[in-house]
């Protein structure tokens, strides 16, 4: 992936928040498929006028493809990229498996993503503490299923792993530490395997790397 500040684009560009897990999951998909794309870093507190011109909701991430297609919801962007660059496919080929992957993505959006957003944005210490406990307990309870397959409920890396990996990478930022015990080791091993993927490393911004430095 290449980074540039120019506004002239010959093919594809992504308006991306360097710190946000929704933008990060899209960058993982782009890196996994080795897509040539212009990454436009955007400060969510100071969004450029260009973003509101192409996206009526002025939200991140936003993908512009060849100036004739604009997409502005992370899951929609990821599925579009998978369909346009299907080698390797990040959604299963068979309809039943594909539907299950979409359901897992939906459950992540309903169950874990709101907790991450609340922890990072709420000014209420009580709300943050409850969300941290809820997310930590849910991860620990889910940990044993990672012993069944190398990736999340799959033998192959999928878009579900892109969503989940962007959250798991941020656990230090969320002030969540998982215990290292028999129950959690499958999840901890999954995290090591996921973070070591070249595509995952390529997707990280400098701000995201700082989360796990030191």
C-alpha atoms as a PDB file:
ATOM      1  CA  UNK A   1       0.000   0.000   0.000  1.00  0.00           C
ATOM      2  CA  UNK A   2       1.216   3.498  -0.735  1.00  0.00           C
ATOM      3  CA  UNK A   3       0.585   6.648   1.284  1.00  0.00           C
ATOM      4  CA  UNK A   4       0.317  10.104  -0.263  1.00  0.00           C
ATOM      5  CA  UNK A   5      -1.393  13.421   0.436  1.00  0.00           C
ATOM      6  CA  UNK A   6      -2.254  14.293  -3.155  1.00  0.00           C
ATOM      7  CA  UNK A   7      -5.911  14.635  -4.061  1.00  0.00           C
ATOM      8  CA  UNK A   8      -5.390  13.483  -7.666  1.00  0.00           C
ATOM      9  CA  UNK A   9      -6.141   9.759  -7.887  1.00  0.00           C
ATOM     10  CA  UNK A  10      -5.935   7.484 -10.886  1.00  0.00           C
ATOM     11  CA  UNK A  11      -7.660   4.479  -9.317  1.00  0.00           C
ATOM     12  CA  UNK A  12      -8.543   3.863  -5.678  1.00  0.00           C
ATOM     13  CA  UNK A  13      -8.268   5.876  -2.463  1.00  0.00           C
ATOM     14  CA  UNK A  14      -9.228   5.245   1.152  1.00  0.00           C
ATOM     15  CA  UNK A  15     -10.006   8.008   3.628  1.00  0.00           C
ATOM     16  CA  UNK A  16      -8.786   6.368   6.817  1.00  0.00           C
ATOM     17  CA  UNK A  17      -8.518   7.150  10.511  1.00  0.00           C
ATOM     18  CA  UNK A  18      -5.042   6.030  11.609  1.00  0.00           C
ATOM     19  CA  UNK A  19      -6.330   4.981  15.028  1.00  0.00           C
ATOM     20  CA  UNK A  20      -9.807   3.591  14.418  1.00  0.00           C
ATOM     21  CA  UNK A  21     -10.545  -0.137  14.303  1.00  0.00           C
ATOM     22  CA  UNK A  22     -13.137   0.240  11.539  1.00  0.00           C
ATOM     23  CA  UNK A  23     -10.592   1.849   9.208  1.00  0.00           C
ATOM     24  CA  UNK A  24      -8.003  -0.691  10.300  1.00  0.00           C
ATOM     25  CA  UNK A  25     -10.088  -3.695   9.284  1.00  0.00           C
ATOM     26  CA  UNK A  26     -10.447  -2.238   5.771  1.00  0.00           C
ATOM     27  CA  UNK A  27      -6.696  -1.660   5.573  1.00  0.00           C
ATOM     28  CA  UNK A  28      -6.141  -5.315   6.504  1.00  0.00           C
ATOM     29  CA  UNK A  29      -8.335  -6.414   3.591  1.00  0.00           C
ATOM     30  CA  UNK A  30      -6.450  -4.105   1.226  1.00  0.00           C
ATOM     31  CA  UNK A  31      -3.092  -5.421   2.415  1.00  0.00           C
ATOM     32  CA  UNK A  32      -4.221  -9.046   2.299  1.00  0.00           C
ATOM     33  CA  UNK A  33      -5.143  -8.627  -1.364  1.00  0.00           C
ATOM     34  CA  UNK A  34      -2.090  -6.465  -2.097  1.00  0.00           C
ATOM     35  CA  UNK A  35      -4.311  -3.747  -3.558  1.00  0.00           C
ATOM     36  CA  UNK A  36      -2.628  -0.601  -4.826  1.00  0.00           C
ATOM     37  CA  UNK A  37      -4.449   2.172  -3.021  1.00  0.00           C
ATOM     38  CA  UNK A  38      -3.850   5.717  -1.915  1.00  0.00           C
ATOM     39  CA  UNK A  39      -4.314   5.944   1.836  1.00  0.00           C
ATOM     40  CA  UNK A  40      -5.482   9.388   2.917  1.00  0.00           C
ATOM     41  CA  UNK A  41      -5.003   9.793   6.690  1.00  0.00           C
ATOM     42  CA  UNK A  42      -7.828  11.818   8.202  1.00  0.00           C
ATOM     43  CA  UNK A  43      -8.032  13.319  11.664  1.00  0.00           C
ATOM     44  CA  UNK A  44     -11.668  12.637  12.715  1.00  0.00           C
ATOM     45  CA  UNK A  45     -11.643  15.943  14.589  1.00  0.00           C
ATOM     46  CA  UNK A  46     -10.585  17.888  11.478  1.00  0.00           C
ATOM     47  CA  UNK A  47     -12.040  16.210   8.420  1.00  0.00           C
ATOM     48  CA  UNK A  48     -11.229  17.667   4.998  1.00  0.00           C
ATOM     49  CA  UNK A  49     -13.937  19.215   2.870  1.00  0.00           C
ATOM     50  CA  UNK A  50     -13.193  16.615   0.211  1.00  0.00           C
ATOM     51  CA  UNK A  51     -14.591  13.880   2.455  1.00  0.00           C
ATOM     52  CA  UNK A  52     -17.980  15.551   2.918  1.00  0.00           C
ATOM     53  CA  UNK A  53     -18.118  16.176  -0.819  1.00  0.00           C
ATOM     54  CA  UNK A  54     -18.033  12.449  -1.585  1.00  0.00           C
ATOM     55  CA  UNK A  55     -19.681  11.058   1.553  1.00  0.00           C
ATOM     56  CA  UNK A  56     -22.934  12.660   2.763  1.00  0.00           C
ATOM     57  CA  UNK A  57     -22.380  11.189   6.223  1.00  0.00           C
ATOM     58  CA  UNK A  58     -18.785  12.487   6.450  1.00  0.00           C
ATOM     59  CA  UNK A  59     -17.703   9.227   8.078  1.00  0.00           C
ATOM     60  CA  UNK A  60     -14.597   7.060   8.110  1.00  0.00           C
ATOM     61  CA  UNK A  61     -13.547   4.864   6.464  1.00  0.00           C
ATOM     62  CA  UNK A  62     -14.599   5.981   2.988  1.00  0.00           C
ATOM     63  CA  UNK A  63     -13.441   4.293  -0.210  1.00  0.00           C
ATOM     64  CA  UNK A  64     -13.350   6.088  -3.571  1.00  0.00           C
ATOM     65  CA  UNK A  65     -12.807   3.841  -6.562  1.00  0.00           C
ATOM     66  CA  UNK A  66     -11.912   5.512  -9.855  1.00  0.00           C
ATOM     67  CA  UNK A  67     -14.010   8.581  -9.015  1.00  0.00           C
ATOM     68  CA  UNK A  68     -17.220   6.773  -9.986  1.00  0.00           C
ATOM     69  CA  UNK A  69     -17.894   4.704  -6.857  1.00  0.00           C
ATOM     70  CA  UNK A  70     -17.931   5.832  -3.245  1.00  0.00           C
ATOM     71  CA  UNK A  71     -18.494   3.430  -0.348  1.00  0.00           C
ATOM     72  CA  UNK A  72     -18.661   4.519   3.278  1.00  0.00           C
ATOM     73  CA  UNK A  73     -19.399   1.635   5.633  1.00  0.00           C
ATOM     74  CA  UNK A  74     -16.597  -0.709   6.674  1.00  0.00           C
ATOM     75  CA  UNK A  75     -18.410  -3.980   6.070  1.00  0.00           C
ATOM     76  CA  UNK A  76     -19.732  -2.830   2.689  1.00  0.00           C
ATOM     77  CA  UNK A  77     -16.229  -1.735   1.692  1.00  0.00           C
ATOM     78  CA  UNK A  78     -14.673  -5.041   2.765  1.00  0.00           C
ATOM     79  CA  UNK A  79     -17.203  -7.145   0.868  1.00  0.00           C
ATOM     80  CA  UNK A  80     -16.802  -4.991  -2.233  1.00  0.00           C
ATOM     81  CA  UNK A  81     -13.013  -5.369  -2.096  1.00  0.00           C
ATOM     82  CA  UNK A  82     -13.348  -9.117  -1.680  1.00  0.00           C
ATOM     83  CA  UNK A  83     -15.598  -9.330  -4.729  1.00  0.00           C
ATOM     84  CA  UNK A  84     -13.393  -7.081  -6.836  1.00  0.00           C
ATOM     85  CA  UNK A  85     -10.117  -8.708  -5.764  1.00  0.00           C
ATOM     86  CA  UNK A  86     -11.118 -12.327  -5.089  1.00  0.00           C
ATOM     87  CA  UNK A  87      -7.628 -13.830  -4.993  1.00  0.00           C
ATOM     88  CA  UNK A  88      -7.421 -14.977  -2.310  1.00  0.00           C
ATOM     89  CA  UNK A  89     -11.121 -14.876  -1.401  1.00  0.00           C
ATOM     90  CA  UNK A  90     -11.731 -13.523   2.090  1.00  0.00           C
ATOM     91  CA  UNK A  91     -15.337 -14.659   2.158  1.00  0.00           C
ATOM     92  CA  UNK A  92     -16.019 -18.379   1.710  1.00  0.00           C
ATOM     93  CA  UNK A  93     -17.076 -19.485  -1.757  1.00  0.00           C
ATOM     94  CA  UNK A  94     -19.988 -21.666  -0.671  1.00  0.00           C
ATOM     95  CA  UNK A  95     -23.244 -19.871   0.263  1.00  0.00           C
ATOM     96  CA  UNK A  96     -23.747 -21.524   3.673  1.00  0.00           C
ATOM     97  CA  UNK A  97     -20.201 -20.796   4.834  1.00  0.00           C
ATOM     98  CA  UNK A  98     -20.411 -17.280   3.401  1.00  0.00           C
ATOM     99  CA  UNK A  99     -23.670 -16.630   5.265  1.00  0.00           C
ATOM    100  CA  UNK A 100     -22.094 -17.868   8.504  1.00  0.00           C
ATOM    101  CA  UNK A 101     -19.153 -15.501   8.040  1.00  0.00           C
ATOM    102  CA  UNK A 102     -21.529 -12.598   7.523  1.00  0.00           C
ATOM    103  CA  UNK A 103     -23.415 -13.607  10.651  1.00  0.00           C
ATOM    104  CA  UNK A 104     -20.191 -13.644  12.689  1.00  0.00           C
ATOM    105  CA  UNK A 105     -19.376 -10.189  11.367  1.00  0.00           C
ATOM    106  CA  UNK A 106     -22.822  -9.017  12.396  1.00  0.00           C
ATOM    107  CA  UNK A 107     -22.374 -10.467  15.883  1.00  0.00           C
ATOM    108  CA  UNK A 108     -19.035  -8.710  16.261  1.00  0.00           C
ATOM    109  CA  UNK A 109     -20.734  -5.476  15.264  1.00  0.00           C
ATOM    110  CA  UNK A 110     -23.482  -6.009  17.813  1.00  0.00           C
ATOM    111  CA  UNK A 111     -21.532  -7.495  20.712  1.00  0.00           C
ATOM    112  CA  UNK A 112     -17.922  -6.318  20.759  1.00  0.00           C
ATOM    113  CA  UNK A 113     -17.517  -3.275  18.532  1.00  0.00           C
ATOM    114  CA  UNK A 114     -19.902  -1.104  20.617  1.00  0.00           C
ATOM    115  CA  UNK A 115     -17.921  -1.997  23.751  1.00  0.00           C
ATOM    116  CA  UNK A 116     -14.685  -0.927  22.064  1.00  0.00           C
ATOM    117  CA  UNK A 117     -16.278   2.339  20.956  1.00  0.00           C
ATOM    118  CA  UNK A 118     -17.649   3.022  24.415  1.00  0.00           C
ATOM    119  CA  UNK A 119     -14.312   2.354  26.143  1.00  0.00           C
ATOM    120  CA  UNK A 120     -12.508   4.701  23.783  1.00  0.00           C
ATOM    121  CA  UNK A 121     -15.081   7.500  23.807  1.00  0.00           C
ATOM    122  CA  UNK A 122     -16.996   7.541  27.093  1.00  0.00           C
ATOM    123  CA  UNK A 123     -16.084  10.072  29.782  1.00  0.00           C
ATOM    124  CA  UNK A 124     -17.834   8.007  32.440  1.00  0.00           C
ATOM    125  CA  UNK A 125     -15.351   5.881  34.389  1.00  0.00           C
ATOM    126  CA  UNK A 126     -18.175   3.606  35.512  1.00  0.00           C
ATOM    127  CA  UNK A 127     -19.349   2.989  31.948  1.00  0.00           C
ATOM    128  CA  UNK A 128     -15.808   2.339  30.779  1.00  0.00           C
ATOM    129  CA  UNK A 129     -15.131  -0.092  33.617  1.00  0.00           C
ATOM    130  CA  UNK A 130     -18.328  -2.033  32.912  1.00  0.00           C
ATOM    131  CA  UNK A 131     -17.541  -2.220  29.209  1.00  0.00           C
ATOM    132  CA  UNK A 132     -13.970  -3.355  29.897  1.00  0.00           C
ATOM    133  CA  UNK A 133     -15.198  -6.112  32.189  1.00  0.00           C
ATOM    134  CA  UNK A 134     -17.882  -7.187  29.733  1.00  0.00           C
ATOM    135  CA  UNK A 135     -15.471  -7.341  26.784  1.00  0.00           C
ATOM    136  CA  UNK A 136     -12.759  -9.113  28.768  1.00  0.00           C
ATOM    137  CA  UNK A 137     -15.177 -11.702  30.142  1.00  0.00           C
ATOM    138  CA  UNK A 138     -16.682 -12.303  26.704  1.00  0.00           C
ATOM    139  CA  UNK A 139     -13.241 -12.821  25.136  1.00  0.00           C
ATOM    140  CA  UNK A 140     -12.247 -15.259  27.858  1.00  0.00           C
ATOM    141  CA  UNK A 141     -15.501 -17.187  27.494  1.00  0.00           C
ATOM    142  CA  UNK A 142     -15.010 -17.388  23.721  1.00  0.00           C
ATOM    143  CA  UNK A 143     -11.315 -18.308  23.873  1.00  0.00           C
ATOM    144  CA  UNK A 144     -11.673 -22.130  23.730  1.00  0.00           C
ATOM    145  CA  UNK A 145     -13.265 -22.075  20.262  1.00  0.00           C
ATOM    146  CA  UNK A 146      -9.969 -20.832  18.828  1.00  0.00           C
ATOM    147  CA  UNK A 147      -8.504 -24.283  19.482  1.00  0.00           C
ATOM    148  CA  UNK A 148     -10.769 -25.777  16.813  1.00  0.00           C
ATOM    149  CA  UNK A 149      -9.457 -23.972  13.713  1.00  0.00           C
ATOM    150  CA  UNK A 150      -6.362 -21.902  12.852  1.00  0.00           C
ATOM    151  CA  UNK A 151      -8.565 -18.892  12.184  1.00  0.00           C
ATOM    152  CA  UNK A 152     -11.939 -17.793  13.514  1.00  0.00           C
ATOM    153  CA  UNK A 153     -14.225 -20.781  12.891  1.00  0.00           C
ATOM    154  CA  UNK A 154     -12.329 -21.392   9.642  1.00  0.00           C
ATOM    155  CA  UNK A 155      -9.294 -23.143   8.204  1.00  0.00           C
ATOM    156  CA  UNK A 156      -8.657 -20.045   6.076  1.00  0.00           C
ATOM    157  CA  UNK A 157      -8.113 -16.386   6.901  1.00  0.00           C
ATOM    158  CA  UNK A 158     -11.366 -14.457   6.282  1.00  0.00           C
ATOM    159  CA  UNK A 159     -12.892 -11.008   6.648  1.00  0.00           C
ATOM    160  CA  UNK A 160     -14.048 -12.071  10.108  1.00  0.00           C
ATOM    161  CA  UNK A 161     -10.395 -12.249  11.137  1.00  0.00           C
ATOM    162  CA  UNK A 162      -9.889  -8.751   9.738  1.00  0.00           C
ATOM    163  CA  UNK A 163     -12.649  -7.419  11.998  1.00  0.00           C
ATOM    164  CA  UNK A 164     -11.561  -9.376  15.037  1.00  0.00           C
ATOM    165  CA  UNK A 165      -7.859  -8.695  14.575  1.00  0.00           C
ATOM    166  CA  UNK A 166      -8.402  -4.940  14.531  1.00  0.00           C
ATOM    167  CA  UNK A 167     -10.119  -5.219  17.916  1.00  0.00           C
ATOM    168  CA  UNK A 168      -7.659  -7.645  19.516  1.00  0.00           C
ATOM    169  CA  UNK A 169      -4.684  -5.512  18.503  1.00  0.00           C
ATOM    170  CA  UNK A 170      -6.188  -2.691  20.572  1.00  0.00           C
ATOM    171  CA  UNK A 171      -6.549  -4.573  23.865  1.00  0.00           C
ATOM    172  CA  UNK A 172      -3.624  -2.690  25.496  1.00  0.00           C
ATOM    173  CA  UNK A 173      -5.207   0.597  24.429  1.00  0.00           C
ATOM    174  CA  UNK A 174      -8.492  -0.585  25.934  1.00  0.00           C
ATOM    175  CA  UNK A 175      -6.648  -1.445  29.151  1.00  0.00           C
ATOM    176  CA  UNK A 176      -7.705  -5.087  28.852  1.00  0.00           C
ATOM    177  CA  UNK A 177      -5.226  -7.807  29.767  1.00  0.00           C
ATOM    178  CA  UNK A 178      -6.110 -11.436  29.147  1.00  0.00           C
ATOM    179  CA  UNK A 179      -4.818 -14.020  31.617  1.00  0.00           C
ATOM    180  CA  UNK A 180      -2.410 -16.622  30.282  1.00  0.00           C
ATOM    181  CA  UNK A 181      -4.012 -19.895  31.298  1.00  0.00           C
ATOM    182  CA  UNK A 182      -5.324 -23.093  29.791  1.00  0.00           C
ATOM    183  CA  UNK A 183      -8.640 -21.523  28.797  1.00  0.00           C
ATOM    184  CA  UNK A 184      -7.217 -18.455  27.066  1.00  0.00           C
ATOM    185  CA  UNK A 185      -4.156 -19.985  25.367  1.00  0.00           C
ATOM    186  CA  UNK A 186      -6.009 -20.843  22.133  1.00  0.00           C
ATOM    187  CA  UNK A 187      -7.012 -17.180  21.808  1.00  0.00           C
ATOM    188  CA  UNK A 188      -3.528 -15.935  22.683  1.00  0.00           C
ATOM    189  CA  UNK A 189      -2.035 -18.293  20.094  1.00  0.00           C
ATOM    190  CA  UNK A 190      -4.553 -17.086  17.527  1.00  0.00           C
ATOM    191  CA  UNK A 191      -3.566 -13.492  18.233  1.00  0.00           C
ATOM    192  CA  UNK A 192       0.126 -14.268  17.717  1.00  0.00           C
ATOM    193  CA  UNK A 193      -0.646 -16.090  14.476  1.00  0.00           C
ATOM    194  CA  UNK A 194      -2.857 -13.271  13.228  1.00  0.00           C
ATOM    195  CA  UNK A 195      -0.528 -10.414  14.142  1.00  0.00           C
ATOM    196  CA  UNK A 196       2.421 -12.180  12.468  1.00  0.00           C
ATOM    197  CA  UNK A 197       0.746 -12.233   9.056  1.00  0.00           C
ATOM    198  CA  UNK A 198       2.606  -9.943   6.626  1.00  0.00           C
ATOM    199  CA  UNK A 199      -0.697  -8.387   5.571  1.00  0.00           C
ATOM    200  CA  UNK A 200      -1.569  -7.524   9.149  1.00  0.00           C
ATOM    201  CA  UNK A 201       1.804  -5.912   9.733  1.00  0.00           C
ATOM    202  CA  UNK A 202       1.508  -4.006   6.450  1.00  0.00           C
ATOM    203  CA  UNK A 203      -1.895  -2.667   7.481  1.00  0.00           C
ATOM    204  CA  UNK A 204      -0.655  -0.983  10.655  1.00  0.00           C
ATOM    205  CA  UNK A 205      -0.191   2.766  10.890  1.00  0.00           C
ATOM    206  CA  UNK A 206       2.543   4.237  13.050  1.00  0.00           C
ATOM    207  CA  UNK A 207      -0.073   5.192  15.643  1.00  0.00           C
ATOM    208  CA  UNK A 208      -1.347   1.618  15.748  1.00  0.00           C
ATOM    209  CA  UNK A 209       2.149   0.206  16.128  1.00  0.00           C
ATOM    210  CA  UNK A 210       2.609   2.398  19.171  1.00  0.00           C
ATOM    211  CA  UNK A 211      -0.228   0.539  20.902  1.00  0.00           C
ATOM    212  CA  UNK A 212       1.968  -2.537  21.371  1.00  0.00           C
ATOM    213  CA  UNK A 213       5.405  -0.997  21.630  1.00  0.00           C
ATOM    214  CA  UNK A 214       7.345  -1.115  24.862  1.00  0.00           C
END
